[in-house]
């Protein structure tokens, strides 16, 4: 049985990679644009007037977009073994986890505001 790094250096196809390195390059670019552009716009326009919950959601969206942009650039440079490393995968999971947690907090805060009895 061959080592994982030996198969990737021997010119194996993308199916041997794990994590974010297994994603096709066009998908990485599309997802980076999907998260990065609205996140950047929301952070810049809402920095002073949005509540803290919204600002945290926008910042984590921007963070995910920057991570996906990094992945897309690394894939473009044919450095998929770097993307397959455990460190990069953990950073990606942390970024998406923080975004998911911020989204749940935002939805919960909105639900409390809508359905809480008026004082």
PDB file of N, CA and C in Angstrom:
ATOM      1  N   UNK A   1       0.837  -1.166   0.000  1.00  0.00           N
ATOM      2  CA  UNK A   1       0.000   0.000   0.000  1.00  0.00           C
ATOM      3  C   UNK A   1       0.890   1.239   0.000  1.00  0.00           C
ATOM      4  N   UNK A   2       0.555   2.193  -0.857  1.00  0.00           N
ATOM      5  CA  UNK A   2       1.387   3.388  -1.001  1.00  0.00           C
ATOM      6  C   UNK A   2       1.005   4.439   0.031  1.00  0.00           C
ATOM      7  N   UNK A   3       1.961   5.256   0.372  1.00  0.00           N
ATOM      8  CA  UNK A   3       1.744   6.364   1.276  1.00  0.00           C
ATOM      9  C   UNK A   3       0.937   7.447   0.557  1.00  0.00           C
ATOM     10  N   UNK A   4       0.154   8.220   1.322  1.00  0.00           N
ATOM     11  CA  UNK A   4      -0.677   9.268   0.731  1.00  0.00           C
ATOM     12  C   UNK A   4       0.171  10.292  -0.016  1.00  0.00           C
ATOM     13  N   UNK A   5       1.268  10.735   0.584  1.00  0.00           N
ATOM     14  CA  UNK A   5       2.098  11.746  -0.052  1.00  0.00           C
ATOM     15  C   UNK A   5       2.800  11.180  -1.286  1.00  0.00           C
ATOM     16  N   UNK A   6       3.114   9.908  -1.276  1.00  0.00           N
ATOM     17  CA  UNK A   6       3.757   9.309  -2.443  1.00  0.00           C
ATOM     18  C   UNK A   6       2.795   9.266  -3.621  1.00  0.00           C
ATOM     19  N   UNK A   7       1.508   9.022  -3.363  1.00  0.00           N
ATOM     20  CA  UNK A   7       0.556   8.986  -4.464  1.00  0.00           C
ATOM     21  C   UNK A   7       0.288  10.375  -5.011  1.00  0.00           C
ATOM     22  N   UNK A   8       0.276  11.404  -4.152  1.00  0.00           N
ATOM     23  CA  UNK A   8       0.006  12.751  -4.638  1.00  0.00           C
ATOM     24  C   UNK A   8       1.186  13.296  -5.426  1.00  0.00           C
ATOM     25  N   UNK A   9       2.392  12.955  -5.007  1.00  0.00           N
ATOM     26  CA  UNK A   9       3.559  13.440  -5.728  1.00  0.00           C
ATOM     27  C   UNK A   9       3.780  12.681  -7.033  1.00  0.00           C
ATOM     28  N   UNK A  10       3.192  11.510  -7.142  1.00  0.00           N
ATOM     29  CA  UNK A  10       3.352  10.722  -8.353  1.00  0.00           C
ATOM     30  C   UNK A  10       2.371  11.133  -9.435  1.00  0.00           C
ATOM     31  N   UNK A  11       1.632  12.198  -9.242  1.00  0.00           N
ATOM     32  CA  UNK A  11       0.720  12.700 -10.270  1.00  0.00           C
ATOM     33  C   UNK A  11      -0.642  12.058 -10.220  1.00  0.00           C
ATOM     34  N   UNK A  12      -1.125  11.720  -9.056  1.00  0.00           N
ATOM     35  CA  UNK A  12      -2.441  11.113  -8.928  1.00  0.00           C
ATOM     36  C   UNK A  12      -3.515  12.157  -9.216  1.00  0.00           C
ATOM     37  N   UNK A  13      -4.707  11.681  -9.516  1.00  0.00           N
ATOM     38  CA  UNK A  13      -5.784  12.619  -9.823  1.00  0.00           C
ATOM     39  C   UNK A  13      -6.378  13.194  -8.551  1.00  0.00           C
ATOM     40  N   UNK A  14      -7.392  14.081  -8.699  1.00  0.00           N
ATOM     41  CA  UNK A  14      -7.928  14.806  -7.561  1.00  0.00           C
ATOM     42  C   UNK A  14      -8.690  13.921  -6.597  1.00  0.00           C
ATOM     43  N   UNK A  15      -9.100  12.745  -6.998  1.00  0.00           N
ATOM     44  CA  UNK A  15      -9.897  11.907  -6.108  1.00  0.00           C
ATOM     45  C   UNK A  15      -9.063  11.330  -4.974  1.00  0.00           C
ATOM     46  N   UNK A  16      -7.750  11.369  -5.069  1.00  0.00           N
ATOM     47  CA  UNK A  16      -6.915  10.857  -3.987  1.00  0.00           C
ATOM     48  C   UNK A  16      -6.733  11.878  -2.886  1.00  0.00           C
ATOM     49  N   UNK A  17      -7.091  13.124  -3.130  1.00  0.00           N
ATOM     50  CA  UNK A  17      -6.955  14.157  -2.111  1.00  0.00           C
ATOM     51  C   UNK A  17      -8.122  14.097  -1.143  1.00  0.00           C
ATOM     52  N   UNK A  18      -7.930  14.741   0.009  1.00  0.00           N
ATOM     53  CA  UNK A  18      -8.975  14.824   1.010  1.00  0.00           C
ATOM     54  C   UNK A  18      -9.221  16.287   1.356  1.00  0.00           C
ATOM     55  N   UNK A  19     -10.371  16.548   1.912  1.00  0.00           N
ATOM     56  CA  UNK A  19     -10.679  17.888   2.391  1.00  0.00           C
ATOM     57  C   UNK A  19     -10.885  18.881   1.263  1.00  0.00           C
ATOM     58  N   UNK A  20     -10.375  20.069   1.463  1.00  0.00           N
ATOM     59  CA  UNK A  20     -10.590  21.142   0.499  1.00  0.00           C
ATOM     60  C   UNK A  20      -9.784  20.940  -0.781  1.00  0.00           C
ATOM     61  N   UNK A  21      -8.758  20.112  -0.743  1.00  0.00           N
ATOM     62  CA  UNK A  21      -7.951  19.851  -1.938  1.00  0.00           C
ATOM     63  C   UNK A  21      -8.713  19.013  -2.951  1.00  0.00           C
ATOM     64  N   UNK A  22      -9.766  18.328  -2.521  1.00  0.00           N
ATOM     65  CA  UNK A  22     -10.520  17.487  -3.446  1.00  0.00           C
ATOM     66  C   UNK A  22     -11.571  18.269  -4.228  1.00  0.00           C
ATOM     67  N   UNK A  23     -11.782  19.527  -3.866  1.00  0.00           N
ATOM     68  CA  UNK A  23     -12.790  20.330  -4.563  1.00  0.00           C
ATOM     69  C   UNK A  23     -12.244  20.814  -5.903  1.00  0.00           C
ATOM     70  N   UNK A  24     -13.063  20.795  -6.954  1.00  0.00           N
ATOM     71  CA  UNK A  24     -12.603  21.302  -8.249  1.00  0.00           C
ATOM     72  C   UNK A  24     -12.310  22.807  -8.197  1.00  0.00           C
ATOM     73  N   UNK A  25     -11.360  23.239  -8.994  1.00  0.00           N
ATOM     74  CA  UNK A  25     -10.959  24.650  -8.987  1.00  0.00           C
ATOM     75  C   UNK A  25     -12.099  25.614  -9.286  1.00  0.00           C
ATOM     76  N   UNK A  26     -12.949  25.358 -10.306  1.00  0.00           N
ATOM     77  CA  UNK A  26     -14.049  26.310 -10.545  1.00  0.00           C
ATOM     78  C   UNK A  26     -14.985  26.447  -9.345  1.00  0.00           C
ATOM     79  N   UNK A  27     -15.214  25.347  -8.634  1.00  0.00           N
ATOM     80  CA  UNK A  27     -16.067  25.414  -7.454  1.00  0.00           C
ATOM     81  C   UNK A  27     -15.424  26.260  -6.357  1.00  0.00           C
ATOM     82  N   UNK A  28     -14.118  26.141  -6.193  1.00  0.00           N
ATOM     83  CA  UNK A  28     -13.420  26.966  -5.204  1.00  0.00           C
ATOM     84  C   UNK A  28     -13.543  28.445  -5.538  1.00  0.00           C
ATOM     85  N   UNK A  29     -13.362  28.798  -6.817  1.00  0.00           N
ATOM     86  CA  UNK A  29     -13.461  30.208  -7.220  1.00  0.00           C
ATOM     87  C   UNK A  29     -14.886  30.725  -7.026  1.00  0.00           C
ATOM     88  N   UNK A  30     -15.891  29.917  -7.375  1.00  0.00           N
ATOM     89  CA  UNK A  30     -17.287  30.347  -7.248  1.00  0.00           C
ATOM     90  C   UNK A  30     -17.649  30.524  -5.775  1.00  0.00           C
ATOM     91  N   UNK A  31     -17.252  29.560  -4.948  1.00  0.00           N
ATOM     92  CA  UNK A  31     -17.568  29.676  -3.521  1.00  0.00           C
ATOM     93  C   UNK A  31     -16.821  30.841  -2.873  1.00  0.00           C
ATOM     94  N   UNK A  32     -15.580  31.081  -3.310  1.00  0.00           N
ATOM     95  CA  UNK A  32     -14.838  32.225  -2.776  1.00  0.00           C
ATOM     96  C   UNK A  32     -15.554  33.526  -3.111  1.00  0.00           C
ATOM     97  N   UNK A  33     -16.019  33.662  -4.344  1.00  0.00           N
ATOM     98  CA  UNK A  33     -16.751  34.875  -4.731  1.00  0.00           C
ATOM     99  C   UNK A  33     -18.075  34.967  -3.985  1.00  0.00           C
ATOM    100  N   UNK A  34     -18.737  33.831  -3.800  1.00  0.00           N
ATOM    101  CA  UNK A  34     -20.033  33.793  -3.116  1.00  0.00           C
ATOM    102  C   UNK A  34     -19.922  34.273  -1.668  1.00  0.00           C
ATOM    103  N   UNK A  35     -18.834  33.945  -1.000  1.00  0.00           N
ATOM    104  CA  UNK A  35     -18.656  34.362   0.390  1.00  0.00           C
ATOM    105  C   UNK A  35     -17.913  35.690   0.507  1.00  0.00           C
ATOM    106  N   UNK A  36     -16.923  35.915  -0.337  1.00  0.00           N
ATOM    107  CA  UNK A  36     -16.037  37.063  -0.172  1.00  0.00           C
ATOM    108  C   UNK A  36     -16.691  38.384  -0.555  1.00  0.00           C
ATOM    109  N   UNK A  37     -17.336  38.453  -1.698  1.00  0.00           N
ATOM    110  CA  UNK A  37     -17.888  39.728  -2.177  1.00  0.00           C
ATOM    111  C   UNK A  37     -18.996  40.248  -1.255  1.00  0.00           C
ATOM    112  N   UNK A  38     -20.026  39.437  -0.934  1.00  0.00           N
ATOM    113  CA  UNK A  38     -21.041  39.969  -0.008  1.00  0.00           C
ATOM    114  C   UNK A  38     -20.493  40.225   1.392  1.00  0.00           C
ATOM    115  N   UNK A  39     -19.565  39.381   1.838  1.00  0.00           N
ATOM    116  CA  UNK A  39     -18.987  39.590   3.164  1.00  0.00           C
ATOM    117  C   UNK A  39     -18.227  40.896   3.253  1.00  0.00           C
ATOM    118  N   UNK A  40     -17.433  41.189   2.228  1.00  0.00           N
ATOM    119  CA  UNK A  40     -16.685  42.434   2.202  1.00  0.00           C
ATOM    120  C   UNK A  40     -17.619  43.642   2.152  1.00  0.00           C
ATOM    121  N   UNK A  41     -18.646  43.549   1.326  1.00  0.00           N
ATOM    122  CA  UNK A  41     -19.617  44.641   1.224  1.00  0.00           C
ATOM    123  C   UNK A  41     -20.332  44.869   2.555  1.00  0.00           C
ATOM    124  N   UNK A  42     -20.773  43.776   3.182  1.00  0.00           N
ATOM    125  CA  UNK A  42     -21.513  43.914   4.444  1.00  0.00           C
ATOM    126  C   UNK A  42     -20.646  44.448   5.560  1.00  0.00           C
ATOM    127  N   UNK A  43     -19.386  44.038   5.600  1.00  0.00           N
ATOM    128  CA  UNK A  43     -18.495  44.541   6.650  1.00  0.00           C
ATOM    129  C   UNK A  43     -18.223  46.028   6.448  1.00  0.00           C
ATOM    130  N   UNK A  44     -17.970  46.430   5.211  1.00  0.00           N
ATOM    131  CA  UNK A  44     -17.643  47.832   4.942  1.00  0.00           C
ATOM    132  C   UNK A  44     -18.853  48.738   5.178  1.00  0.00           C
ATOM    133  N   UNK A  45     -20.027  48.321   4.730  1.00  0.00           N
ATOM    134  CA  UNK A  45     -21.198  49.199   4.853  1.00  0.00           C
ATOM    135  C   UNK A  45     -21.838  49.164   6.232  1.00  0.00           C
ATOM    136  N   UNK A  46     -21.698  48.064   6.958  1.00  0.00           N
ATOM    137  CA  UNK A  46     -22.394  47.959   8.231  1.00  0.00           C
ATOM    138  C   UNK A  46     -21.517  48.057   9.440  1.00  0.00           C
ATOM    139  N   UNK A  47     -20.305  48.535   9.278  1.00  0.00           N
ATOM    140  CA  UNK A  47     -19.350  48.543  10.386  1.00  0.00           C
ATOM    141  C   UNK A  47     -19.839  49.380  11.570  1.00  0.00           C
ATOM    142  N   UNK A  48     -20.512  50.474  11.324  1.00  0.00           N
ATOM    143  CA  UNK A  48     -20.884  51.367  12.421  1.00  0.00           C
ATOM    144  C   UNK A  48     -22.340  51.245  12.851  1.00  0.00           C
ATOM    145  N   UNK A  49     -23.222  50.823  11.953  1.00  0.00           N
ATOM    146  CA  UNK A  49     -24.638  50.848  12.319  1.00  0.00           C
ATOM    147  C   UNK A  49     -25.230  49.490  12.625  1.00  0.00           C
ATOM    148  N   UNK A  50     -24.623  48.391  12.203  1.00  0.00           N
ATOM    149  CA  UNK A  50     -25.187  47.065  12.440  1.00  0.00           C
ATOM    150  C   UNK A  50     -24.938  46.612  13.871  1.00  0.00           C
ATOM    151  N   UNK A  51     -25.855  45.797  14.396  1.00  0.00           N
ATOM    152  CA  UNK A  51     -25.611  45.217  15.724  1.00  0.00           C
ATOM    153  C   UNK A  51     -24.433  44.249  15.688  1.00  0.00           C
ATOM    154  N   UNK A  52     -23.933  43.930  16.873  1.00  0.00           N
ATOM    155  CA  UNK A  52     -22.758  43.063  16.980  1.00  0.00           C
ATOM    156  C   UNK A  52     -23.004  41.684  16.373  1.00  0.00           C
ATOM    157  N   UNK A  53     -24.204  41.158  16.490  1.00  0.00           N
ATOM    158  CA  UNK A  53     -24.521  39.834  15.931  1.00  0.00           C
ATOM    159  C   UNK A  53     -24.355  39.857  14.415  1.00  0.00           C
ATOM    160  N   UNK A  54     -24.857  40.904  13.772  1.00  0.00           N
ATOM    161  CA  UNK A  54     -24.722  41.009  12.322  1.00  0.00           C
ATOM    162  C   UNK A  54     -23.273  41.189  11.910  1.00  0.00           C
ATOM    163  N   UNK A  55     -22.553  41.999  12.656  1.00  0.00           N
ATOM    164  CA  UNK A  55     -21.148  42.237  12.330  1.00  0.00           C
ATOM    165  C   UNK A  55     -20.325  40.958  12.442  1.00  0.00           C
ATOM    166  N   UNK A  56     -20.585  40.148  13.472  1.00  0.00           N
ATOM    167  CA  UNK A  56     -19.872  38.877  13.620  1.00  0.00           C
ATOM    168  C   UNK A  56     -20.188  37.936  12.468  1.00  0.00           C
ATOM    169  N   UNK A  57     -21.441  37.900  12.030  1.00  0.00           N
ATOM    170  CA  UNK A  57     -21.810  37.057  10.896  1.00  0.00           C
ATOM    171  C   UNK A  57     -21.089  37.513   9.633  1.00  0.00           C
ATOM    172  N   UNK A  58     -21.027  38.808   9.418  1.00  0.00           N
ATOM    173  CA  UNK A  58     -20.358  39.335   8.228  1.00  0.00           C
ATOM    174  C   UNK A  58     -18.852  39.088   8.275  1.00  0.00           C
ATOM    175  N   UNK A  59     -18.261  39.234   9.450  1.00  0.00           N
ATOM    176  CA  UNK A  59     -16.824  38.981   9.576  1.00  0.00           C
ATOM    177  C   UNK A  59     -16.484  37.508   9.336  1.00  0.00           C
ATOM    178  N   UNK A  60     -17.301  36.603   9.856  1.00  0.00           N
ATOM    179  CA  UNK A  60     -17.022  35.184   9.624  1.00  0.00           C
ATOM    180  C   UNK A  60     -17.277  34.810   8.166  1.00  0.00           C
ATOM    181  N   UNK A  61     -18.245  35.462   7.535  1.00  0.00           N
ATOM    182  CA  UNK A  61     -18.470  35.238   6.101  1.00  0.00           C
ATOM    183  C   UNK A  61     -17.256  35.701   5.298  1.00  0.00           C
ATOM    184  N   UNK A  62     -16.703  36.832   5.676  1.00  0.00           N
ATOM    185  CA  UNK A  62     -15.493  37.330   5.027  1.00  0.00           C
ATOM    186  C   UNK A  62     -14.317  36.390   5.279  1.00  0.00           C
ATOM    187  N   UNK A  63     -14.213  35.853   6.467  1.00  0.00           N
ATOM    188  CA  UNK A  63     -13.142  34.921   6.803  1.00  0.00           C
ATOM    189  C   UNK A  63     -13.235  33.642   5.963  1.00  0.00           C
ATOM    190  N   UNK A  64     -14.423  33.113   5.799  1.00  0.00           N
ATOM    191  CA  UNK A  64     -14.617  31.928   4.956  1.00  0.00           C
ATOM    192  C   UNK A  64     -14.254  32.255   3.509  1.00  0.00           C
ATOM    193  N   UNK A  65     -14.658  33.420   3.039  1.00  0.00           N
ATOM    194  CA  UNK A  65     -14.328  33.818   1.674  1.00  0.00           C
ATOM    195  C   UNK A  65     -12.829  33.941   1.458  1.00  0.00           C
ATOM    196  N   UNK A  66     -12.124  34.505   2.416  1.00  0.00           N
ATOM    197  CA  UNK A  66     -10.669  34.616   2.300  1.00  0.00           C
ATOM    198  C   UNK A  66     -10.004  33.249   2.309  1.00  0.00           C
ATOM    199  N   UNK A  67     -10.497  32.337   3.146  1.00  0.00           N
ATOM    200  CA  UNK A  67      -9.943  30.988   3.164  1.00  0.00           C
ATOM    201  C   UNK A  67     -10.180  30.288   1.824  1.00  0.00           C
ATOM    202  N   UNK A  68     -11.375  30.420   1.274  1.00  0.00           N
ATOM    203  CA  UNK A  68     -11.660  29.782  -0.015  1.00  0.00           C
ATOM    204  C   UNK A  68     -10.853  30.418  -1.138  1.00  0.00           C
ATOM    205  N   UNK A  69     -10.604  31.716  -1.051  1.00  0.00           N
ATOM    206  CA  UNK A  69      -9.742  32.369  -2.033  1.00  0.00           C
ATOM    207  C   UNK A  69      -8.324  31.816  -1.944  1.00  0.00           C
ATOM    208  N   UNK A  70      -7.831  31.622  -0.728  1.00  0.00           N
ATOM    209  CA  UNK A  70      -6.517  31.000  -0.538  1.00  0.00           C
ATOM    210  C   UNK A  70      -6.494  29.605  -1.167  1.00  0.00           C
ATOM    211  N   UNK A  71      -7.538  28.832  -0.936  1.00  0.00           N
ATOM    212  CA  UNK A  71      -7.606  27.488  -1.520  1.00  0.00           C
ATOM    213  C   UNK A  71      -7.635  27.543  -3.039  1.00  0.00           C
ATOM    214  N   UNK A  72      -8.389  28.478  -3.602  1.00  0.00           N
ATOM    215  CA  UNK A  72      -8.474  28.589  -5.054  1.00  0.00           C
ATOM    216  C   UNK A  72      -7.132  28.979  -5.662  1.00  0.00           C
ATOM    217  N   UNK A  73      -6.419  29.885  -5.023  1.00  0.00           N
ATOM    218  CA  UNK A  73      -5.104  30.295  -5.526  1.00  0.00           C
ATOM    219  C   UNK A  73      -4.109  29.144  -5.416  1.00  0.00           C
ATOM    220  N   UNK A  74      -4.144  28.414  -4.308  1.00  0.00           N
ATOM    221  CA  UNK A  74      -3.245  27.269  -4.158  1.00  0.00           C
ATOM    222  C   UNK A  74      -3.559  26.190  -5.194  1.00  0.00           C
ATOM    223  N   UNK A  75      -4.824  25.966  -5.481  1.00  0.00           N
ATOM    224  CA  UNK A  75      -5.195  24.982  -6.502  1.00  0.00           C
ATOM    225  C   UNK A  75      -4.756  25.453  -7.883  1.00  0.00           C
ATOM    226  N   UNK A  76      -4.863  26.751  -8.139  1.00  0.00           N
ATOM    227  CA  UNK A  76      -4.422  27.303  -9.414  1.00  0.00           C
ATOM    228  C   UNK A  76      -2.912  27.129  -9.598  1.00  0.00           C
ATOM    229  N   UNK A  77      -2.167  27.224  -8.512  1.00  0.00           N
ATOM    230  CA  UNK A  77      -0.705  27.065  -8.562  1.00  0.00           C
ATOM    231  C   UNK A  77      -0.269  25.596  -8.507  1.00  0.00           C
ATOM    232  N   UNK A  78      -1.226  24.669  -8.574  1.00  0.00           N
ATOM    233  CA  UNK A  78      -0.954  23.223  -8.502  1.00  0.00           C
ATOM    234  C   UNK A  78      -0.272  22.836  -7.191  1.00  0.00           C
ATOM    235  N   UNK A  79      -0.746  23.400  -6.102  1.00  0.00           N
ATOM    236  CA  UNK A  79      -0.223  23.064  -4.779  1.00  0.00           C
ATOM    237  C   UNK A  79      -1.292  22.368  -3.944  1.00  0.00           C
ATOM    238  N   UNK A  80      -1.955  21.420  -4.537  1.00  0.00           N
ATOM    239  CA  UNK A  80      -3.007  20.690  -3.830  1.00  0.00           C
ATOM    240  C   UNK A  80      -2.495  19.889  -2.640  1.00  0.00           C
ATOM    241  N   UNK A  81      -1.257  19.378  -2.670  1.00  0.00           N
ATOM    242  CA  UNK A  81      -0.791  18.694  -1.449  1.00  0.00           C
ATOM    243  C   UNK A  81      -0.745  19.619  -0.229  1.00  0.00           C
ATOM    244  N   UNK A  82      -0.491  20.916  -0.442  1.00  0.00           N
ATOM    245  CA  UNK A  82      -0.535  21.860   0.677  1.00  0.00           C
ATOM    246  C   UNK A  82      -1.955  21.999   1.218  1.00  0.00           C
ATOM    247  N   UNK A  83      -2.944  21.962   0.313  1.00  0.00           N
ATOM    248  CA  UNK A  83      -4.334  22.059   0.739  1.00  0.00           C
ATOM    249  C   UNK A  83      -4.791  20.793   1.456  1.00  0.00           C
ATOM    250  N   UNK A  84      -4.170  19.677   1.131  1.00  0.00           N
ATOM    251  CA  UNK A  84      -4.558  18.408   1.743  1.00  0.00           C
ATOM    252  C   UNK A  84      -3.946  18.216   3.126  1.00  0.00           C
ATOM    253  N   UNK A  85      -3.096  19.140   3.558  1.00  0.00           N
ATOM    254  CA  UNK A  85      -2.462  18.987   4.868  1.00  0.00           C
ATOM    255  C   UNK A  85      -3.501  19.119   5.973  1.00  0.00           C
ATOM    256  N   UNK A  86      -3.198  18.514   7.091  1.00  0.00           N
ATOM    257  CA  UNK A  86      -4.152  18.535   8.199  1.00  0.00           C
ATOM    258  C   UNK A  86      -4.319  19.943   8.767  1.00  0.00           C
ATOM    259  N   UNK A  87      -3.281  20.750   8.736  1.00  0.00           N
ATOM    260  CA  UNK A  87      -3.385  22.122   9.242  1.00  0.00           C
ATOM    261  C   UNK A  87      -4.349  22.966   8.430  1.00  0.00           C
ATOM    262  N   UNK A  88      -4.241  22.890   7.114  1.00  0.00           N
ATOM    263  CA  UNK A  88      -5.142  23.651   6.251  1.00  0.00           C
ATOM    264  C   UNK A  88      -6.573  23.171   6.409  1.00  0.00           C
ATOM    265  N   UNK A  89      -6.742  21.869   6.519  1.00  0.00           N
ATOM    266  CA  UNK A  89      -8.087  21.319   6.696  1.00  0.00           C
ATOM    267  C   UNK A  89      -8.690  21.783   8.016  1.00  0.00           C
ATOM    268  N   UNK A  90      -7.901  21.802   9.077  1.00  0.00           N
ATOM    269  CA  UNK A  90      -8.410  22.265  10.369  1.00  0.00           C
ATOM    270  C   UNK A  90      -8.770  23.746  10.349  1.00  0.00           C
ATOM    271  N   UNK A  91      -7.962  24.557   9.676  1.00  0.00           N
ATOM    272  CA  UNK A  91      -8.286  25.981   9.555  1.00  0.00           C
ATOM    273  C   UNK A  91      -9.588  26.155   8.785  1.00  0.00           C
ATOM    274  N   UNK A  92      -9.776  25.390   7.720  1.00  0.00           N
ATOM    275  CA  UNK A  92     -11.018  25.463   6.956  1.00  0.00           C
ATOM    276  C   UNK A  92     -12.225  25.052   7.778  1.00  0.00           C
ATOM    277  N   UNK A  93     -12.085  23.969   8.527  1.00  0.00           N
ATOM    278  CA  UNK A  93     -13.191  23.542   9.392  1.00  0.00           C
ATOM    279  C   UNK A  93     -13.492  24.596  10.450  1.00  0.00           C
ATOM    280  N   UNK A  94     -12.467  25.228  10.987  1.00  0.00           N
ATOM    281  CA  UNK A  94     -12.676  26.274  11.992  1.00  0.00           C
ATOM    282  C   UNK A  94     -13.407  27.472  11.381  1.00  0.00           C
ATOM    283  N   UNK A  95     -13.014  27.869  10.168  1.00  0.00           N
ATOM    284  CA  UNK A  95     -13.673  29.001   9.506  1.00  0.00           C
ATOM    285  C   UNK A  95     -15.148  28.703   9.249  1.00  0.00           C
ATOM    286  N   UNK A  96     -15.425  27.533   8.681  1.00  0.00           N
ATOM    287  CA  UNK A  96     -16.812  27.182   8.398  1.00  0.00           C
ATOM    288  C   UNK A  96     -17.602  26.964   9.690  1.00  0.00           C
ATOM    289  N   UNK A  97     -16.948  26.436  10.726  1.00  0.00           N
ATOM    290  CA  UNK A  97     -17.622  26.253  12.007  1.00  0.00           C
ATOM    291  C   UNK A  97     -17.998  27.573  12.651  1.00  0.00           C
ATOM    292  N   UNK A  98     -17.088  28.538  12.599  1.00  0.00           N
ATOM    293  CA  UNK A  98     -17.400  29.863  13.163  1.00  0.00           C
ATOM    294  C   UNK A  98     -18.519  30.533  12.375  1.00  0.00           C
ATOM    295  N   UNK A  99     -18.521  30.352  11.048  1.00  0.00           N
ATOM    296  CA  UNK A  99     -19.595  30.921  10.238  1.00  0.00           C
ATOM    297  C   UNK A  99     -20.925  30.275  10.602  1.00  0.00           C
ATOM    298  N   UNK A 100     -20.931  28.955  10.735  1.00  0.00           N
ATOM    299  CA  UNK A 100     -22.164  28.264  11.105  1.00  0.00           C
ATOM    300  C   UNK A 100     -22.668  28.671  12.473  1.00  0.00           C
ATOM    301  N   UNK A 101     -21.755  28.792  13.434  1.00  0.00           N
ATOM    302  CA  UNK A 101     -22.139  29.223  14.775  1.00  0.00           C
ATOM    303  C   UNK A 101     -22.677  30.656  14.762  1.00  0.00           C
ATOM    304  N   UNK A 102     -22.039  31.540  14.016  1.00  0.00           N
ATOM    305  CA  UNK A 102     -22.518  32.923  13.917  1.00  0.00           C
ATOM    306  C   UNK A 102     -23.891  32.980  13.264  1.00  0.00           C
ATOM    307  N   UNK A 103     -24.123  32.116  12.286  1.00  0.00           N
ATOM    308  CA  UNK A 103     -25.425  32.075  11.622  1.00  0.00           C
ATOM    309  C   UNK A 103     -26.508  31.614  12.595  1.00  0.00           C
ATOM    310  N   UNK A 104     -26.209  30.592  13.384  1.00  0.00           N
ATOM    311  CA  UNK A 104     -27.185  30.103  14.371  1.00  0.00           C
ATOM    312  C   UNK A 104     -27.466  31.169  15.419  1.00  0.00           C
ATOM    313  N   UNK A 105     -26.445  31.875  15.867  1.00  0.00           N
ATOM    314  CA  UNK A 105     -26.650  32.955  16.845  1.00  0.00           C
ATOM    315  C   UNK A 105     -27.490  34.064  16.233  1.00  0.00           C
ATOM    316  N   UNK A 106     -27.252  34.398  14.980  1.00  0.00           N
ATOM    317  CA  UNK A 106     -28.028  35.445  14.298  1.00  0.00           C
ATOM    318  C   UNK A 106     -29.501  35.044  14.180  1.00  0.00           C
ATOM    319  N   UNK A 107     -29.739  33.803  13.766  1.00  0.00           N
ATOM    320  CA  UNK A 107     -31.116  33.328  13.640  1.00  0.00           C
ATOM    321  C   UNK A 107     -31.799  33.296  15.007  1.00  0.00           C
ATOM    322  N   UNK A 108     -31.082  32.849  16.022  1.00  0.00           N
ATOM    323  CA  UNK A 108     -31.651  32.802  17.371  1.00  0.00           C
ATOM    324  C   UNK A 108     -31.960  34.204  17.888  1.00  0.00           C
ATOM    325  N   UNK A 109     -31.062  35.142  17.671  1.00  0.00           N
ATOM    326  CA  UNK A 109     -31.307  36.514  18.113  1.00  0.00           C
ATOM    327  C   UNK A 109     -32.502  37.127  17.380  1.00  0.00           C
ATOM    328  N   UNK A 110     -32.639  36.824  16.107  1.00  0.00           N
ATOM    329  CA  UNK A 110     -33.784  37.325  15.343  1.00  0.00           C
ATOM    330  C   UNK A 110     -35.080  36.695  15.855  1.00  0.00           C
ATOM    331  N   UNK A 111     -35.052  35.409  16.183  1.00  0.00           N
ATOM    332  CA  UNK A 111     -36.242  34.749  16.698  1.00  0.00           C
ATOM    333  C   UNK A 111     -36.647  35.308  18.053  1.00  0.00           C
ATOM    334  N   UNK A 112     -35.672  35.578  18.898  1.00  0.00           N
ATOM    335  CA  UNK A 112     -35.983  36.146  20.211  1.00  0.00           C
ATOM    336  C   UNK A 112     -36.601  37.538  20.044  1.00  0.00           C
ATOM    337  N   UNK A 113     -36.053  38.323  19.127  1.00  0.00           N
ATOM    338  CA  UNK A 113     -36.599  39.662  18.902  1.00  0.00           C
ATOM    339  C   UNK A 113     -38.012  39.610  18.359  1.00  0.00           C
ATOM    340  N   UNK A 114     -38.300  38.632  17.491  1.00  0.00           N
ATOM    341  CA  UNK A 114     -39.625  38.560  16.873  1.00  0.00           C
ATOM    342  C   UNK A 114     -40.676  37.953  17.796  1.00  0.00           C
ATOM    343  N   UNK A 115     -40.301  36.908  18.504  1.00  0.00           N
ATOM    344  CA  UNK A 115     -41.309  36.147  19.229  1.00  0.00           C
ATOM    345  C   UNK A 115     -41.306  36.359  20.740  1.00  0.00           C
ATOM    346  N   UNK A 116     -40.427  37.174  21.254  1.00  0.00           N
ATOM    347  CA  UNK A 116     -40.410  37.448  22.679  1.00  0.00           C
ATOM    348  C   UNK A 116     -41.587  38.373  23.021  1.00  0.00           C
ATOM    349  N   UNK A 117     -42.230  38.130  24.139  1.00  0.00           N
ATOM    350  CA  UNK A 117     -43.353  39.027  24.497  1.00  0.00           C
ATOM    351  C   UNK A 117     -42.844  40.437  24.795  1.00  0.00           C
ATOM    352  N   UNK A 118     -43.635  41.369  24.427  1.00  0.00           N
ATOM    353  CA  UNK A 118     -43.274  42.772  24.664  1.00  0.00           C
ATOM    354  C   UNK A 118     -43.351  43.069  26.152  1.00  0.00           C
ATOM    355  N   UNK A 119     -42.403  43.822  26.625  1.00  0.00           N
ATOM    356  CA  UNK A 119     -42.353  44.124  28.063  1.00  0.00           C
ATOM    357  C   UNK A 119     -43.190  45.309  28.423  1.00  0.00           C
TER     358      UNK A 119
END
